[in-house]
Amino acid sequence: MPPLDELRHPQGVTSTKIFRRSILGAALAAPAIVSAQSGLPDRTLRIVIGFAAGGGSDAMARLIATGLERRVGRRVTVENRPGGTGAAAGEALKYGGADGTMVAFMPSPSLVARLFTPSYPFDPMTDLAPITTAGTYIDAFAVSPKIEARTVAEYVAWLKGGEAGRNKIGATATDAMLQYYTRALGREFGVPMEGQAFRGTAPLVNDMEAGRVPAGVAGLTSFLVAHRGNRVRILATSGSKRVSVAPDLPTAAEAGYPGLTMEEWYGFFAAASMPPALVDLWNGALVATLQDKEVREQLAQLGLEVETSTPAVCADRLAAHMKKWQATLQALGMKPTL
């Protein structure tokens, strides 16, 4: 369930190249869209993300920021506040987002992490004001090229071969999320799994390529370049349907494991103290930016299927997502903190 990052994108260079090409193309192909009547504060606007520069969340946020800047006629910056779960973005809103110039671009795992951590620095249900959903993304399950398995069924057969260490699986996730992955995969595969956490997909890919870690889970686009370069082999994705950027990859359900179907999403959030009228103005500007054809296409290449909403629909989705994850954790014998 890592957000395209590890919540961090592994292939930072590739994402950055895509981002740079997209910005250059937008600058050359489209006229500037300036709206002095946007109603947003007449100061620099900030998009805060809880991950480092060069990752997937960063590339997407900068792409959106450039489109938003052209649309509203304000300077828009991206502020990186990296941390293990991306929580720093929500914490920034809790303590400093009252002036209306700052919003956060956050993946749903950064919100759900509140269920795993009693001391989480913010409560997504009370400290944030949802603005709009931004889009959905999926995870990928991949194996080392040192393993002959080319389907999930072949991997499970290999897994049950009896050799010690075959049940190790890597993930770019917090310890709590890693516990979820090992339990969920162990339940589906019928073998207890042993998790190993990585601080980014690059070291995970390196260990998988070398055969030190036989399998791993990460955001689809985090593995995609490595898959195409034969450094890892993606066996299935967690989506409910195949994706346009990799139509040859089967879903977990198609592979015979519907219990591994899972889609996560990104959203834009403001401080809970932001006036509803200003939230609506941010919604209008962000939705228009996200629905721009060039922005949609570039985000799709980064693994995000754009999906926008009203603030109310985003709030409902957040509440439903938290409730769903509470039930999921309880079903796996894990006690949520809410």
C-alpha atoms as a PDB file:
ATOM      1  CA  MET A   1       0.000   0.000   0.000  1.00  0.00           C
ATOM      2  CA  PRO A   2       2.928   2.352  -0.272  1.00  0.00           C
ATOM      3  CA  PRO A   3       2.009   5.614  -1.950  1.00  0.00           C
ATOM      4  CA  LEU A   4       3.941   5.385  -5.257  1.00  0.00           C
ATOM      5  CA  ASP A   5       6.858   6.111  -3.089  1.00  0.00           C
ATOM      6  CA  GLU A   6       7.215   4.107  -0.160  1.00  0.00           C
ATOM      7  CA  LEU A   7       5.409   5.677   0.435  1.00  0.00           C
ATOM      8  CA  ARG A   8       8.076   6.902  -2.005  1.00  0.00           C
ATOM      9  CA  HIS A   9       8.924   6.556  -5.716  1.00  0.00           C
ATOM     10  CA  PRO A  10      12.048   4.517  -6.187  1.00  0.00           C
ATOM     11  CA  GLN A  11      12.925   5.558  -9.650  1.00  0.00           C
ATOM     12  CA  GLY A  12      13.366   9.221  -8.835  1.00  0.00           C
ATOM     13  CA  VAL A  13      15.482   9.970 -11.904  1.00  0.00           C
ATOM     14  CA  THR A  14      12.923   8.549 -14.301  1.00  0.00           C
ATOM     15  CA  SER A  15      10.030  10.354 -12.644  1.00  0.00           C
ATOM     16  CA  THR A  16      11.994  13.584 -12.706  1.00  0.00           C
ATOM     17  CA  LYS A  17      12.713  13.192 -16.410  1.00  0.00           C
ATOM     18  CA  ILE A  18       9.035  12.632 -17.125  1.00  0.00           C
ATOM     19  CA  PHE A  19       8.216  15.664 -15.036  1.00  0.00           C
ATOM     20  CA  ARG A  20      10.730  17.876 -16.810  1.00  0.00           C
ATOM     21  CA  ARG A  21       9.512  16.784 -20.229  1.00  0.00           C
ATOM     22  CA  SER A  22       5.931  17.452 -19.226  1.00  0.00           C
ATOM     23  CA  ILE A  23       6.708  20.949 -17.986  1.00  0.00           C
ATOM     24  CA  LEU A  24       8.686  21.817 -21.106  1.00  0.00           C
ATOM     25  CA  GLY A  25       5.890  20.503 -23.307  1.00  0.00           C
ATOM     26  CA  ALA A  26       3.259  22.436 -21.399  1.00  0.00           C
ATOM     27  CA  ALA A  27       5.291  25.627 -21.590  1.00  0.00           C
ATOM     28  CA  LEU A  28       5.728  25.348 -25.357  1.00  0.00           C
ATOM     29  CA  ALA A  29       2.324  24.008 -26.322  1.00  0.00           C
ATOM     30  CA  ALA A  30      -0.197  25.887 -24.213  1.00  0.00           C
ATOM     31  CA  PRO A  31      -0.832  29.549 -23.485  1.00  0.00           C
ATOM     32  CA  ALA A  32      -0.596  30.748 -19.936  1.00  0.00           C
ATOM     33  CA  ILE A  33      -3.880  30.652 -18.078  1.00  0.00           C
ATOM     34  CA  VAL A  34      -4.055  33.424 -15.551  1.00  0.00           C
ATOM     35  CA  SER A  35      -7.072  34.050 -13.390  1.00  0.00           C
ATOM     36  CA  ALA A  36      -6.742  37.140 -11.266  1.00  0.00           C
ATOM     37  CA  GLN A  37     -10.249  36.391  -9.991  1.00  0.00           C
ATOM     38  CA  SER A  38      -9.355  32.963  -8.543  1.00  0.00           C
ATOM     39  CA  GLY A  39     -10.095  34.283  -5.058  1.00  0.00           C
ATOM     40  CA  LEU A  40      -7.092  32.442  -3.586  1.00  0.00           C
ATOM     41  CA  PRO A  41      -4.754  34.445  -1.336  1.00  0.00           C
ATOM     42  CA  ASP A  42      -2.631  36.902  -3.308  1.00  0.00           C
ATOM     43  CA  ARG A  43       0.593  35.385  -2.026  1.00  0.00           C
ATOM     44  CA  THR A  44       2.796  32.400  -2.799  1.00  0.00           C
ATOM     45  CA  LEU A  45       0.765  29.188  -2.521  1.00  0.00           C
ATOM     46  CA  ARG A  46       2.349  26.035  -1.135  1.00  0.00           C
ATOM     47  CA  ILE A  47       1.725  22.349  -1.773  1.00  0.00           C
ATOM     48  CA  VAL A  48       3.249  20.309   1.050  1.00  0.00           C
ATOM     49  CA  ILE A  49       4.195  16.645   0.622  1.00  0.00           C
ATOM     50  CA  GLY A  50       5.575  14.268   3.220  1.00  0.00           C
ATOM     51  CA  PHE A  51       8.274  12.783   1.008  1.00  0.00           C
ATOM     52  CA  ALA A  52      11.694  13.682  -0.370  1.00  0.00           C
ATOM     53  CA  ALA A  53      12.382  15.450  -3.648  1.00  0.00           C
ATOM     54  CA  GLY A  54      12.868  13.165  -6.641  1.00  0.00           C
ATOM     55  CA  GLY A  55      10.226  10.614  -5.691  1.00  0.00           C
ATOM     56  CA  GLY A  56       6.837   9.861  -7.188  1.00  0.00           C
ATOM     57  CA  SER A  57       4.804  12.106  -4.893  1.00  0.00           C
ATOM     58  CA  ASP A  58       7.247  14.934  -5.540  1.00  0.00           C
ATOM     59  CA  ALA A  59       7.101  14.528  -9.329  1.00  0.00           C
ATOM     60  CA  MET A  60       3.308  14.521  -9.315  1.00  0.00           C
ATOM     61  CA  ALA A  61       3.057  17.484  -6.942  1.00  0.00           C
ATOM     62  CA  ARG A  62       5.422  19.572  -9.078  1.00  0.00           C
ATOM     63  CA  LEU A  63       3.519  18.724 -12.229  1.00  0.00           C
ATOM     64  CA  ILE A  64       0.260  19.793 -10.578  1.00  0.00           C
ATOM     65  CA  ALA A  65       1.878  22.904  -9.075  1.00  0.00           C
ATOM     66  CA  THR A  66       3.021  24.124 -12.483  1.00  0.00           C
ATOM     67  CA  GLY A  67      -0.442  23.683 -13.966  1.00  0.00           C
ATOM     68  CA  LEU A  68      -2.045  25.366 -10.959  1.00  0.00           C
ATOM     69  CA  GLU A  69       0.368  28.303 -11.160  1.00  0.00           C
ATOM     70  CA  ARG A  70      -0.554  28.951 -14.775  1.00  0.00           C
ATOM     71  CA  ARG A  71      -4.231  28.709 -13.996  1.00  0.00           C
ATOM     72  CA  VAL A  72      -4.484  30.993 -10.960  1.00  0.00           C
ATOM     73  CA  GLY A  73      -1.719  33.489 -11.666  1.00  0.00           C
ATOM     74  CA  ARG A  74       0.010  32.905  -8.340  1.00  0.00           C
ATOM     75  CA  ARG A  75       3.437  31.488  -7.595  1.00  0.00           C
ATOM     76  CA  VAL A  76       2.990  27.881  -6.414  1.00  0.00           C
ATOM     77  CA  THR A  77       5.805  26.024  -4.665  1.00  0.00           C
ATOM     78  CA  VAL A  78       6.203  22.426  -3.507  1.00  0.00           C
ATOM     79  CA  GLU A  79       7.507  21.983   0.020  1.00  0.00           C
ATOM     80  CA  ASN A  80       9.117  18.633   0.875  1.00  0.00           C
ATOM     81  CA  ARG A  81       8.862  17.406   4.453  1.00  0.00           C
ATOM     82  CA  PRO A  82      10.133  13.824   4.218  1.00  0.00           C
ATOM     83  CA  GLY A  83       9.310  11.239   6.860  1.00  0.00           C
ATOM     84  CA  GLY A  84       8.609   7.548   7.216  1.00  0.00           C
ATOM     85  CA  THR A  85       4.867   7.675   6.584  1.00  0.00           C
ATOM     86  CA  GLY A  86       4.408  11.076   5.002  1.00  0.00           C
ATOM     87  CA  ALA A  87       2.803  12.308   8.237  1.00  0.00           C
ATOM     88  CA  ALA A  88       4.738  15.575   8.271  1.00  0.00           C
ATOM     89  CA  ALA A  89       2.440  17.026   5.594  1.00  0.00           C
ATOM     90  CA  GLY A  90      -0.639  16.534   7.760  1.00  0.00           C
ATOM     91  CA  GLU A  91       1.224  17.801  10.809  1.00  0.00           C
ATOM     92  CA  ALA A  92       2.164  20.963   8.875  1.00  0.00           C
ATOM     93  CA  LEU A  93      -1.514  21.664   8.235  1.00  0.00           C
ATOM     94  CA  LYS A  94      -2.464  20.975  11.832  1.00  0.00           C
ATOM     95  CA  TYR A  95      -0.072  23.606  13.167  1.00  0.00           C
ATOM     96  CA  GLY A  96       0.428  26.063  10.306  1.00  0.00           C
ATOM     97  CA  GLY A  97      -2.218  26.007   7.614  1.00  0.00           C
ATOM     98  CA  ALA A  98      -4.638  28.615   8.892  1.00  0.00           C
ATOM     99  CA  ASP A  99      -3.744  31.422   6.433  1.00  0.00           C
ATOM    100  CA  GLY A 100      -5.161  29.581   3.420  1.00  0.00           C
ATOM    101  CA  THR A 101      -1.947  29.541   1.390  1.00  0.00           C
ATOM    102  CA  MET A 102      -0.974  25.936   2.141  1.00  0.00           C
ATOM    103  CA  VAL A 103      -2.514  22.605   1.140  1.00  0.00           C
ATOM    104  CA  ALA A 104      -1.150  19.073   1.368  1.00  0.00           C
ATOM    105  CA  PHE A 105      -0.977  16.440  -1.366  1.00  0.00           C
ATOM    106  CA  MET A 106      -1.249  13.146   0.497  1.00  0.00           C
ATOM    107  CA  PRO A 107      -1.640   9.441  -0.305  1.00  0.00           C
ATOM    108  CA  SER A 108      -4.275   7.500   1.608  1.00  0.00           C
ATOM    109  CA  PRO A 109      -1.671   5.301   3.382  1.00  0.00           C
ATOM    110  CA  SER A 110      -0.404   8.459   5.121  1.00  0.00           C
ATOM    111  CA  LEU A 111      -3.923   8.888   6.499  1.00  0.00           C
ATOM    112  CA  VAL A 112      -4.547   5.221   7.329  1.00  0.00           C
ATOM    113  CA  ALA A 113      -1.244   5.094   9.219  1.00  0.00           C
ATOM    114  CA  ARG A 114      -3.121   6.781  12.064  1.00  0.00           C
ATOM    115  CA  LEU A 115      -4.753   3.377  12.678  1.00  0.00           C
ATOM    116  CA  PHE A 116      -1.361   1.783  13.310  1.00  0.00           C
ATOM    117  CA  THR A 117       0.247   4.446  15.485  1.00  0.00           C
ATOM    118  CA  PRO A 118      -1.274   5.742  18.748  1.00  0.00           C
ATOM    119  CA  SER A 119       1.106   8.721  18.792  1.00  0.00           C
ATOM    120  CA  TYR A 120       0.487   9.722  15.160  1.00  0.00           C
ATOM    121  CA  PRO A 121       1.031  13.509  14.866  1.00  0.00           C
ATOM    122  CA  PHE A 122      -2.383  14.328  13.401  1.00  0.00           C
ATOM    123  CA  ASP A 123      -5.895  12.924  13.134  1.00  0.00           C
ATOM    124  CA  PRO A 124      -7.073  12.894   9.499  1.00  0.00           C
ATOM    125  CA  MET A 125     -10.718  12.999  10.602  1.00  0.00           C
ATOM    126  CA  THR A 126     -10.448  16.128  12.767  1.00  0.00           C
ATOM    127  CA  ASP A 127      -7.290  18.018  11.785  1.00  0.00           C
ATOM    128  CA  LEU A 128      -7.807  18.150   8.011  1.00  0.00           C
ATOM    129  CA  ALA A 129     -10.371  19.647   5.653  1.00  0.00           C
ATOM    130  CA  PRO A 130     -10.670  17.484   2.508  1.00  0.00           C
ATOM    131  CA  ILE A 131     -10.527  19.508  -0.729  1.00  0.00           C
ATOM    132  CA  THR A 132     -10.652  16.932  -3.538  1.00  0.00           C
ATOM    133  CA  THR A 133      -9.493  13.474  -4.414  1.00  0.00           C
ATOM    134  CA  ALA A 134      -6.670  13.588  -6.969  1.00  0.00           C
ATOM    135  CA  GLY A 135      -6.577  10.042  -8.291  1.00  0.00           C
ATOM    136  CA  THR A 136      -6.038   6.359  -7.614  1.00  0.00           C
ATOM    137  CA  TYR A 137      -2.962   4.163  -7.855  1.00  0.00           C
ATOM    138  CA  ILE A 138      -2.131   0.510  -7.329  1.00  0.00           C
ATOM    139  CA  ASP A 139       0.652  -1.665  -5.990  1.00  0.00           C
ATOM    140  CA  ALA A 140       2.639  -4.366  -7.734  1.00  0.00           C
ATOM    141  CA  PHE A 141       3.916  -7.727  -6.503  1.00  0.00           C
ATOM    142  CA  ALA A 142       7.286  -8.618  -8.032  1.00  0.00           C
ATOM    143  CA  VAL A 143       9.953 -11.283  -7.692  1.00  0.00           C
ATOM    144  CA  SER A 144      13.698 -11.435  -8.176  1.00  0.00           C
ATOM    145  CA  PRO A 145      14.898 -12.397 -11.678  1.00  0.00           C
ATOM    146  CA  LYS A 146      16.902 -15.108  -9.921  1.00  0.00           C
ATOM    147  CA  ILE A 147      13.601 -16.961  -9.448  1.00  0.00           C
ATOM    148  CA  GLU A 148      12.163 -18.775 -12.445  1.00  0.00           C
ATOM    149  CA  ALA A 149       8.550 -18.022 -11.480  1.00  0.00           C
ATOM    150  CA  ARG A 150       6.614 -16.076 -14.102  1.00  0.00           C
ATOM    151  CA  THR A 151       3.181 -16.263 -12.468  1.00  0.00           C
ATOM    152  CA  VAL A 152       1.957 -15.906  -8.903  1.00  0.00           C
ATOM    153  CA  ALA A 153       1.014 -19.601  -8.892  1.00  0.00           C
ATOM    154  CA  GLU A 154       4.569 -20.552  -9.881  1.00  0.00           C
ATOM    155  CA  TYR A 155       5.953 -18.278  -7.167  1.00  0.00           C
ATOM    156  CA  VAL A 156       3.720 -19.887  -4.513  1.00  0.00           C
ATOM    157  CA  ALA A 157       4.845 -23.344  -5.665  1.00  0.00           C
ATOM    158  CA  TRP A 158       8.475 -22.181  -5.371  1.00  0.00           C
ATOM    159  CA  LEU A 159       7.702 -20.589  -2.009  1.00  0.00           C
ATOM    160  CA  LYS A 160       6.480 -23.912  -0.672  1.00  0.00           C
ATOM    161  CA  GLY A 161       9.583 -25.682  -1.925  1.00  0.00           C
ATOM    162  CA  GLY A 162      10.965 -25.848   1.598  1.00  0.00           C
ATOM    163  CA  GLU A 163      14.244 -23.928   1.370  1.00  0.00           C
ATOM    164  CA  ALA A 164      14.804 -21.539   4.286  1.00  0.00           C
ATOM    165  CA  GLY A 165      14.488 -17.860   3.499  1.00  0.00           C
ATOM    166  CA  ARG A 166      12.134 -18.220   0.574  1.00  0.00           C
ATOM    167  CA  ASN A 167       9.339 -16.531   2.545  1.00  0.00           C
ATOM    168  CA  LYS A 168      11.161 -13.196   2.817  1.00  0.00           C
ATOM    169  CA  ILE A 169       9.388 -10.236   1.242  1.00  0.00           C
ATOM    170  CA  GLY A 170      10.552  -6.644   1.034  1.00  0.00           C
ATOM    171  CA  ALA A 171       8.381  -3.531   1.090  1.00  0.00           C
ATOM    172  CA  THR A 172       8.906   0.203   1.217  1.00  0.00           C
ATOM    173  CA  ALA A 173       6.649   0.635   4.209  1.00  0.00           C
ATOM    174  CA  THR A 174       6.592   1.373   7.899  1.00  0.00           C
ATOM    175  CA  ASP A 175       6.945  -1.521  10.337  1.00  0.00           C
ATOM    176  CA  ALA A 176       3.199  -1.473  10.974  1.00  0.00           C
ATOM    177  CA  MET A 177       2.321  -1.563   7.287  1.00  0.00           C
ATOM    178  CA  LEU A 178       4.911  -4.266   6.733  1.00  0.00           C
ATOM    179  CA  GLN A 179       3.118  -6.338   9.353  1.00  0.00           C
ATOM    180  CA  TYR A 180      -0.072  -5.910   7.351  1.00  0.00           C
ATOM    181  CA  TYR A 181       1.621  -7.041   4.129  1.00  0.00           C
ATOM    182  CA  THR A 182       3.160 -10.139   5.681  1.00  0.00           C
ATOM    183  CA  ARG A 183      -0.132 -11.205   7.242  1.00  0.00           C
ATOM    184  CA  ALA A 184      -2.191 -10.536   4.110  1.00  0.00           C
ATOM    185  CA  LEU A 185       0.229 -12.314   1.791  1.00  0.00           C
ATOM    186  CA  GLY A 186       0.726 -15.165   4.251  1.00  0.00           C
ATOM    187  CA  ARG A 187      -3.038 -15.678   4.425  1.00  0.00           C
ATOM    188  CA  GLU A 188      -3.388 -15.721   0.636  1.00  0.00           C
ATOM    189  CA  PHE A 189      -0.337 -17.886  -0.079  1.00  0.00           C
ATOM    190  CA  GLY A 190      -0.790 -20.280   2.837  1.00  0.00           C
ATOM    191  CA  VAL A 191       2.769 -19.687   4.064  1.00  0.00           C
ATOM    192  CA  PRO A 192       3.878 -17.414   6.959  1.00  0.00           C
ATOM    193  CA  MET A 193       5.817 -14.525   5.414  1.00  0.00           C
ATOM    194  CA  GLU A 194       8.816 -12.684   6.841  1.00  0.00           C
ATOM    195  CA  GLY A 195       8.939  -8.963   6.066  1.00  0.00           C
ATOM    196  CA  GLN A 196      11.922  -6.695   5.515  1.00  0.00           C
ATOM    197  CA  ALA A 197      11.398  -2.922   5.453  1.00  0.00           C
ATOM    198  CA  PHE A 198      13.298  -0.690   3.012  1.00  0.00           C
ATOM    199  CA  ARG A 199      13.639   3.098   3.058  1.00  0.00           C
ATOM    200  CA  GLY A 200      12.810   3.488  -0.618  1.00  0.00           C
ATOM    201  CA  THR A 201      12.386   1.231  -3.618  1.00  0.00           C
ATOM    202  CA  ALA A 202      15.900   1.710  -5.039  1.00  0.00           C
ATOM    203  CA  PRO A 203      17.579  -0.405  -2.309  1.00  0.00           C
ATOM    204  CA  LEU A 204      14.719  -2.918  -2.507  1.00  0.00           C
ATOM    205  CA  VAL A 205      15.209  -3.298  -6.263  1.00  0.00           C
ATOM    206  CA  ASN A 206      18.968  -3.689  -5.774  1.00  0.00           C
ATOM    207  CA  ASP A 207      18.475  -6.520  -3.282  1.00  0.00           C
ATOM    208  CA  MET A 208      15.839  -8.204  -5.434  1.00  0.00           C
ATOM    209  CA  GLU A 209      18.021  -7.996  -8.531  1.00  0.00           C
ATOM    210  CA  ALA A 210      20.885  -9.605  -6.615  1.00  0.00           C
ATOM    211  CA  GLY A 211      18.611 -12.310  -5.219  1.00  0.00           C
ATOM    212  CA  ARG A 212      19.060 -11.262  -1.591  1.00  0.00           C
ATOM    213  CA  VAL A 213      15.310 -10.612  -1.331  1.00  0.00           C
ATOM    214  CA  PRO A 214      13.175 -13.004  -3.386  1.00  0.00           C
ATOM    215  CA  ALA A 215      10.012 -10.876  -3.615  1.00  0.00           C
ATOM    216  CA  GLY A 216       8.697  -7.393  -2.912  1.00  0.00           C
ATOM    217  CA  VAL A 217       5.712  -5.046  -2.914  1.00  0.00           C
ATOM    218  CA  ALA A 218       5.745  -1.407  -4.045  1.00  0.00           C
ATOM    219  CA  GLY A 219       3.749   1.081  -6.087  1.00  0.00           C
ATOM    220  CA  LEU A 220       3.345  -0.114  -9.676  1.00  0.00           C
ATOM    221  CA  THR A 221       5.352   2.670 -11.272  1.00  0.00           C
ATOM    222  CA  SER A 222       8.018   2.268  -8.603  1.00  0.00           C
ATOM    223  CA  PHE A 223       8.707  -1.210 -10.008  1.00  0.00           C
ATOM    224  CA  LEU A 224       7.819  -0.614 -13.647  1.00  0.00           C
ATOM    225  CA  VAL A 225      11.156   0.719 -14.923  1.00  0.00           C
ATOM    226  CA  ALA A 226      13.037  -2.036 -13.077  1.00  0.00           C
ATOM    227  CA  HIS A 227      10.603  -4.599 -14.526  1.00  0.00           C
ATOM    228  CA  ARG A 228      11.203  -3.356 -18.059  1.00  0.00           C
ATOM    229  CA  GLY A 229      14.946  -3.458 -17.411  1.00  0.00           C
ATOM    230  CA  ASN A 230      14.727  -7.078 -16.185  1.00  0.00           C
ATOM    231  CA  ARG A 231      15.900  -6.114 -12.713  1.00  0.00           C
ATOM    232  CA  VAL A 232      12.671  -7.416 -11.146  1.00  0.00           C
ATOM    233  CA  ARG A 233       9.715  -9.325 -12.580  1.00  0.00           C
ATOM    234  CA  ILE A 234       6.220  -8.036 -11.814  1.00  0.00           C
ATOM    235  CA  LEU A 235       3.764 -10.920 -11.471  1.00  0.00           C
ATOM    236  CA  ALA A 236       0.551  -9.056 -10.604  1.00  0.00           C
ATOM    237  CA  THR A 237      -0.922  -5.698  -9.669  1.00  0.00           C
ATOM    238  CA  SER A 238      -3.379  -4.917  -6.888  1.00  0.00           C
ATOM    239  CA  GLY A 239      -5.882  -3.089  -9.110  1.00  0.00           C
ATOM    240  CA  SER A 240      -9.384  -4.175 -10.017  1.00  0.00           C
ATOM    241  CA  LYS A 241      -8.488  -3.894 -13.711  1.00  0.00           C
ATOM    242  CA  ARG A 242      -5.402  -3.772 -15.894  1.00  0.00           C
ATOM    243  CA  VAL A 243      -3.784  -0.375 -16.326  1.00  0.00           C
ATOM    244  CA  SER A 244      -3.027   1.483 -19.539  1.00  0.00           C
ATOM    245  CA  VAL A 245       0.663   2.024 -18.690  1.00  0.00           C
ATOM    246  CA  ALA A 246       1.207  -1.745 -18.370  1.00  0.00           C
ATOM    247  CA  PRO A 247      -1.673  -3.607 -20.040  1.00  0.00           C
ATOM    248  CA  ASP A 248       0.264  -6.874 -20.163  1.00  0.00           C
ATOM    249  CA  LEU A 249       0.366  -7.210 -16.361  1.00  0.00           C
ATOM    250  CA  PRO A 250      -2.428  -9.293 -14.784  1.00  0.00           C
ATOM    251  CA  THR A 251      -4.339  -8.218 -11.704  1.00  0.00           C
ATOM    252  CA  ALA A 252      -4.120 -10.208  -8.482  1.00  0.00           C
ATOM    253  CA  ALA A 253      -7.679 -11.410  -9.077  1.00  0.00           C
ATOM    254  CA  GLU A 254      -6.759 -12.641 -12.563  1.00  0.00           C
ATOM    255  CA  ALA A 255      -3.800 -14.432 -11.000  1.00  0.00           C
ATOM    256  CA  GLY A 256      -6.163 -16.251  -8.638  1.00  0.00           C
ATOM    257  CA  TYR A 257      -5.767 -14.098  -5.527  1.00  0.00           C
ATOM    258  CA  PRO A 258      -8.720 -11.674  -5.353  1.00  0.00           C
ATOM    259  CA  GLY A 259      -8.008 -11.084  -1.660  1.00  0.00           C
ATOM    260  CA  LEU A 260      -4.994  -9.008  -2.697  1.00  0.00           C
ATOM    261  CA  THR A 261      -7.060  -6.533  -4.714  1.00  0.00           C
ATOM    262  CA  MET A 262      -6.501  -3.074  -3.280  1.00  0.00           C
ATOM    263  CA  GLU A 263      -6.509   0.458  -4.648  1.00  0.00           C
ATOM    264  CA  GLU A 264      -5.192   3.495  -2.835  1.00  0.00           C
ATOM    265  CA  TRP A 265      -5.604   7.167  -3.675  1.00  0.00           C
ATOM    266  CA  TYR A 266      -4.186  10.645  -3.369  1.00  0.00           C
ATOM    267  CA  GLY A 267      -6.074  13.691  -2.192  1.00  0.00           C
ATOM    268  CA  PHE A 268      -5.595  17.369  -1.472  1.00  0.00           C
ATOM    269  CA  PHE A 269      -6.260  18.557   2.065  1.00  0.00           C
ATOM    270  CA  ALA A 270      -6.335  21.871   3.920  1.00  0.00           C
ATOM    271  CA  ALA A 271      -6.193  22.769   7.585  1.00  0.00           C
ATOM    272  CA  ALA A 272      -9.449  22.073   9.425  1.00  0.00           C
ATOM    273  CA  SER A 273      -9.557  25.790  10.294  1.00  0.00           C
ATOM    274  CA  MET A 274      -9.702  26.906   6.639  1.00  0.00           C
ATOM    275  CA  PRO A 275     -13.061  28.618   5.921  1.00  0.00           C
ATOM    276  CA  PRO A 276     -15.390  26.462   3.758  1.00  0.00           C
ATOM    277  CA  ALA A 277     -15.594  29.204   1.111  1.00  0.00           C
ATOM    278  CA  LEU A 278     -11.809  29.126   0.691  1.00  0.00           C
ATOM    279  CA  VAL A 279     -11.846  25.314   0.582  1.00  0.00           C
ATOM    280  CA  ASP A 280     -14.308  25.598  -2.297  1.00  0.00           C
ATOM    281  CA  LEU A 281     -12.007  28.030  -4.131  1.00  0.00           C
ATOM    282  CA  TRP A 282      -9.086  25.639  -3.753  1.00  0.00           C
ATOM    283  CA  ASN A 283     -11.337  22.821  -4.961  1.00  0.00           C
ATOM    284  CA  GLY A 284     -12.265  24.717  -8.121  1.00  0.00           C
ATOM    285  CA  ALA A 285      -8.654  25.564  -8.954  1.00  0.00           C
ATOM    286  CA  LEU A 286      -7.276  22.086  -8.235  1.00  0.00           C
ATOM    287  CA  VAL A 287     -10.053  20.193 -10.012  1.00  0.00           C
ATOM    288  CA  ALA A 288      -9.632  22.343 -13.132  1.00  0.00           C
ATOM    289  CA  THR A 289      -5.867  21.747 -13.043  1.00  0.00           C
ATOM    290  CA  LEU A 290      -6.161  17.992 -12.555  1.00  0.00           C
ATOM    291  CA  GLN A 291      -8.719  17.680 -15.345  1.00  0.00           C
ATOM    292  CA  ASP A 292      -6.449  19.443 -17.843  1.00  0.00           C
ATOM    293  CA  LYS A 293      -5.726  16.946 -20.643  1.00  0.00           C
ATOM    294  CA  GLU A 294      -1.928  17.313 -20.552  1.00  0.00           C
ATOM    295  CA  VAL A 295      -1.808  17.110 -16.769  1.00  0.00           C
ATOM    296  CA  ARG A 296      -3.998  13.987 -16.771  1.00  0.00           C
ATOM    297  CA  GLU A 297      -1.815  12.275 -19.358  1.00  0.00           C
ATOM    298  CA  GLN A 298       1.423  13.068 -17.553  1.00  0.00           C
ATOM    299  CA  LEU A 299       0.024  11.933 -14.205  1.00  0.00           C
ATOM    300  CA  ALA A 300      -1.092   8.674 -15.836  1.00  0.00           C
ATOM    301  CA  GLN A 301       2.513   8.049 -16.879  1.00  0.00           C
ATOM    302  CA  LEU A 302       3.470   8.496 -13.234  1.00  0.00           C
ATOM    303  CA  GLY A 303       0.886   5.915 -12.193  1.00  0.00           C
ATOM    304  CA  LEU A 304      -1.970   8.147 -11.077  1.00  0.00           C
ATOM    305  CA  GLU A 305      -5.400   7.749 -12.671  1.00  0.00           C
ATOM    306  CA  VAL A 306      -6.924  11.189 -12.122  1.00  0.00           C
ATOM    307  CA  GLU A 307     -10.190  11.241 -10.217  1.00  0.00           C
ATOM    308  CA  THR A 308     -11.532  14.489  -8.743  1.00  0.00           C
ATOM    309  CA  SER A 309     -14.408  15.252  -6.386  1.00  0.00           C
ATOM    310  CA  THR A 310     -16.190  17.836  -4.283  1.00  0.00           C
ATOM    311  CA  PRO A 311     -14.896  18.436  -0.735  1.00  0.00           C
ATOM    312  CA  ALA A 312     -17.912  16.552   0.670  1.00  0.00           C
ATOM    313  CA  VAL A 313     -17.317  13.491  -1.509  1.00  0.00           C
ATOM    314  CA  CYS A 314     -13.629  13.504  -0.574  1.00  0.00           C
ATOM    315  CA  ALA A 315     -14.577  13.630   3.127  1.00  0.00           C
ATOM    316  CA  ASP A 316     -16.962  10.702   2.660  1.00  0.00           C
ATOM    317  CA  ARG A 317     -14.274   8.722   0.867  1.00  0.00           C
ATOM    318  CA  LEU A 318     -11.806   9.363   3.665  1.00  0.00           C
ATOM    319  CA  ALA A 319     -14.288   8.218   6.322  1.00  0.00           C
ATOM    320  CA  ALA A 320     -15.181   5.086   4.346  1.00  0.00           C
ATOM    321  CA  HIS A 321     -11.499   4.300   3.724  1.00  0.00           C
ATOM    322  CA  MET A 322     -10.647   4.555   7.411  1.00  0.00           C
ATOM    323  CA  LYS A 323     -13.588   2.317   8.304  1.00  0.00           C
ATOM    324  CA  LYS A 324     -12.600  -0.226   5.657  1.00  0.00           C
ATOM    325  CA  TRP A 325      -9.038  -0.373   6.960  1.00  0.00           C
ATOM    326  CA  GLN A 326     -10.222  -0.789  10.539  1.00  0.00           C
ATOM    327  CA  ALA A 327     -12.189  -3.850   9.459  1.00  0.00           C
ATOM    328  CA  THR A 328      -9.264  -5.173   7.418  1.00  0.00           C
ATOM    329  CA  LEU A 329      -6.858  -4.922  10.340  1.00  0.00           C
ATOM    330  CA  GLN A 330      -9.316  -6.594  12.701  1.00  0.00           C
ATOM    331  CA  ALA A 331      -9.832  -9.447  10.220  1.00  0.00           C
ATOM    332  CA  LEU A 332      -6.054 -10.013  10.205  1.00  0.00           C
ATOM    333  CA  GLY A 333      -5.894 -10.025  14.009  1.00  0.00           C
ATOM    334  CA  MET A 334      -4.328  -6.560  14.202  1.00  0.00           C
ATOM    335  CA  LYS A 335      -5.817  -4.061  16.641  1.00  0.00           C
ATOM    336  CA  PRO A 336      -6.334  -0.573  15.146  1.00  0.00           C
ATOM    337  CA  THR A 337      -5.634   2.400  17.416  1.00  0.00           C
ATOM    338  CA  LEU A 338      -8.971   4.127  16.755  1.00  0.00           C
END
